[in-house]
């Protein structure tokens, strides 16, 4: 699974994603991606099924870990997930 850590994107990147995936972002979607960030490369590929409601500082720490070329952490990160 992915934990998407907010990283703003540019209009150029969104246009690249539209062309690659055959989709069209609305003006509001573009605004939100630029303001709050996200992972548009996952659009039409994955479904959002949760939200971090506490412990965001841990997500921030995970985001700083060194990653491989495939964007996986170089060292496994163990976590406990609770479904509410």
C-alpha atoms as a PDB file:
ATOM      1  CA  UNK A   1       0.000   0.000   0.000  1.00  0.00           C
ATOM      2  CA  UNK A   2       0.980   3.595  -0.331  1.00  0.00           C
ATOM      3  CA  UNK A   3       1.000   6.342   2.236  1.00  0.00           C
ATOM      4  CA  UNK A   4       0.732   9.471   0.135  1.00  0.00           C
ATOM      5  CA  UNK A   5       2.660  12.284   1.742  1.00  0.00           C
ATOM      6  CA  UNK A   6       1.520  15.664   0.439  1.00  0.00           C
ATOM      7  CA  UNK A   7       3.947  16.990  -2.147  1.00  0.00           C
ATOM      8  CA  UNK A   8       2.651  19.704  -4.431  1.00  0.00           C
ATOM      9  CA  UNK A   9       2.893  19.158  -8.171  1.00  0.00           C
ATOM     10  CA  UNK A  10       3.111  21.489 -11.149  1.00  0.00           C
ATOM     11  CA  UNK A  11       0.671  22.075 -13.986  1.00  0.00           C
ATOM     12  CA  UNK A  12       3.246  20.553 -16.346  1.00  0.00           C
ATOM     13  CA  UNK A  13       3.356  17.338 -14.314  1.00  0.00           C
ATOM     14  CA  UNK A  14      -0.453  17.148 -14.238  1.00  0.00           C
ATOM     15  CA  UNK A  15      -0.571  17.642 -18.008  1.00  0.00           C
ATOM     16  CA  UNK A  16       1.969  14.823 -18.437  1.00  0.00           C
ATOM     17  CA  UNK A  17      -0.232  12.555 -16.307  1.00  0.00           C
ATOM     18  CA  UNK A  18      -3.333  13.491 -18.332  1.00  0.00           C
ATOM     19  CA  UNK A  19      -1.558  12.621 -21.571  1.00  0.00           C
ATOM     20  CA  UNK A  20      -0.096   9.379 -20.224  1.00  0.00           C
ATOM     21  CA  UNK A  21      -3.346   8.140 -18.657  1.00  0.00           C
ATOM     22  CA  UNK A  22      -5.896   9.604 -21.046  1.00  0.00           C
ATOM     23  CA  UNK A  23      -7.645  11.551 -18.279  1.00  0.00           C
ATOM     24  CA  UNK A  24      -8.542  15.204 -17.723  1.00  0.00           C
ATOM     25  CA  UNK A  25      -8.169  17.033 -14.395  1.00  0.00           C
ATOM     26  CA  UNK A  26     -10.707  19.708 -13.560  1.00  0.00           C
ATOM     27  CA  UNK A  27      -9.555  23.167 -12.499  1.00  0.00           C
ATOM     28  CA  UNK A  28     -10.456  22.293  -8.895  1.00  0.00           C
ATOM     29  CA  UNK A  29      -8.449  19.043  -9.014  1.00  0.00           C
ATOM     30  CA  UNK A  30      -5.452  20.914 -10.392  1.00  0.00           C
ATOM     31  CA  UNK A  31      -5.753  23.560  -7.682  1.00  0.00           C
ATOM     32  CA  UNK A  32      -5.903  20.918  -4.927  1.00  0.00           C
ATOM     33  CA  UNK A  33      -2.925  18.976  -6.302  1.00  0.00           C
ATOM     34  CA  UNK A  34      -0.881  22.175  -6.506  1.00  0.00           C
ATOM     35  CA  UNK A  35      -1.922  23.392  -3.046  1.00  0.00           C
ATOM     36  CA  UNK A  36      -2.012  20.172  -1.002  1.00  0.00           C
ATOM     37  CA  UNK A  37      -0.081  17.727  -3.118  1.00  0.00           C
ATOM     38  CA  UNK A  38      -0.718  14.092  -3.737  1.00  0.00           C
ATOM     39  CA  UNK A  39       0.277  11.355  -6.125  1.00  0.00           C
ATOM     40  CA  UNK A  40      -1.466  11.877  -9.478  1.00  0.00           C
ATOM     41  CA  UNK A  41       0.609   9.052 -10.993  1.00  0.00           C
ATOM     42  CA  UNK A  42      -1.601   6.706  -8.919  1.00  0.00           C
ATOM     43  CA  UNK A  43      -4.877   8.060 -10.352  1.00  0.00           C
ATOM     44  CA  UNK A  44      -7.008   5.358 -12.006  1.00  0.00           C
ATOM     45  CA  UNK A  45      -4.593   2.767 -10.552  1.00  0.00           C
ATOM     46  CA  UNK A  46      -5.297   2.657  -6.805  1.00  0.00           C
ATOM     47  CA  UNK A  47      -8.217   3.392  -4.490  1.00  0.00           C
ATOM     48  CA  UNK A  48      -7.975   5.535  -1.363  1.00  0.00           C
ATOM     49  CA  UNK A  49      -9.180   3.474   1.563  1.00  0.00           C
ATOM     50  CA  UNK A  50      -8.034   5.355   4.615  1.00  0.00           C
ATOM     51  CA  UNK A  51      -6.721   8.507   6.199  1.00  0.00           C
ATOM     52  CA  UNK A  52      -4.090   9.101   8.860  1.00  0.00           C
ATOM     53  CA  UNK A  53      -6.007  10.645  11.755  1.00  0.00           C
ATOM     54  CA  UNK A  54      -3.221  10.675  14.336  1.00  0.00           C
ATOM     55  CA  UNK A  55       0.499  10.078  14.279  1.00  0.00           C
ATOM     56  CA  UNK A  56       1.143  12.289  11.264  1.00  0.00           C
ATOM     57  CA  UNK A  57       4.601  13.021  12.690  1.00  0.00           C
ATOM     58  CA  UNK A  58       5.406   9.333  12.086  1.00  0.00           C
ATOM     59  CA  UNK A  59       4.341   9.661   8.437  1.00  0.00           C
ATOM     60  CA  UNK A  60       6.660  12.684   8.197  1.00  0.00           C
ATOM     61  CA  UNK A  61       9.543  10.570   9.563  1.00  0.00           C
ATOM     62  CA  UNK A  62       8.781   7.734   7.130  1.00  0.00           C
ATOM     63  CA  UNK A  63       8.839  10.247   4.245  1.00  0.00           C
ATOM     64  CA  UNK A  64      12.426  11.221   5.127  1.00  0.00           C
ATOM     65  CA  UNK A  65      13.767   7.647   4.952  1.00  0.00           C
ATOM     66  CA  UNK A  66      16.173   6.836   2.102  1.00  0.00           C
ATOM     67  CA  UNK A  67      14.502   4.971  -0.751  1.00  0.00           C
ATOM     68  CA  UNK A  68      15.593   2.728  -3.596  1.00  0.00           C
ATOM     69  CA  UNK A  69      15.193   3.573  -7.270  1.00  0.00           C
ATOM     70  CA  UNK A  70      11.732   1.988  -7.130  1.00  0.00           C
ATOM     71  CA  UNK A  71      10.766   4.428  -4.327  1.00  0.00           C
ATOM     72  CA  UNK A  72      10.668   1.707  -1.643  1.00  0.00           C
ATOM     73  CA  UNK A  73      12.358   2.316   1.706  1.00  0.00           C
ATOM     74  CA  UNK A  74      15.875   0.869   1.729  1.00  0.00           C
ATOM     75  CA  UNK A  75      15.074  -0.585   5.165  1.00  0.00           C
ATOM     76  CA  UNK A  76      11.686  -2.144   5.887  1.00  0.00           C
ATOM     77  CA  UNK A  77       9.468  -0.014   8.128  1.00  0.00           C
ATOM     78  CA  UNK A  78       7.216  -2.006  10.419  1.00  0.00           C
ATOM     79  CA  UNK A  79       3.925  -0.497  11.549  1.00  0.00           C
ATOM     80  CA  UNK A  80       0.717  -1.384  13.281  1.00  0.00           C
ATOM     81  CA  UNK A  81      -2.465  -0.389  11.486  1.00  0.00           C
ATOM     82  CA  UNK A  82      -5.785  -0.146  13.269  1.00  0.00           C
ATOM     83  CA  UNK A  83      -9.006  -0.229  11.293  1.00  0.00           C
ATOM     84  CA  UNK A  84     -11.747   1.833  12.898  1.00  0.00           C
END
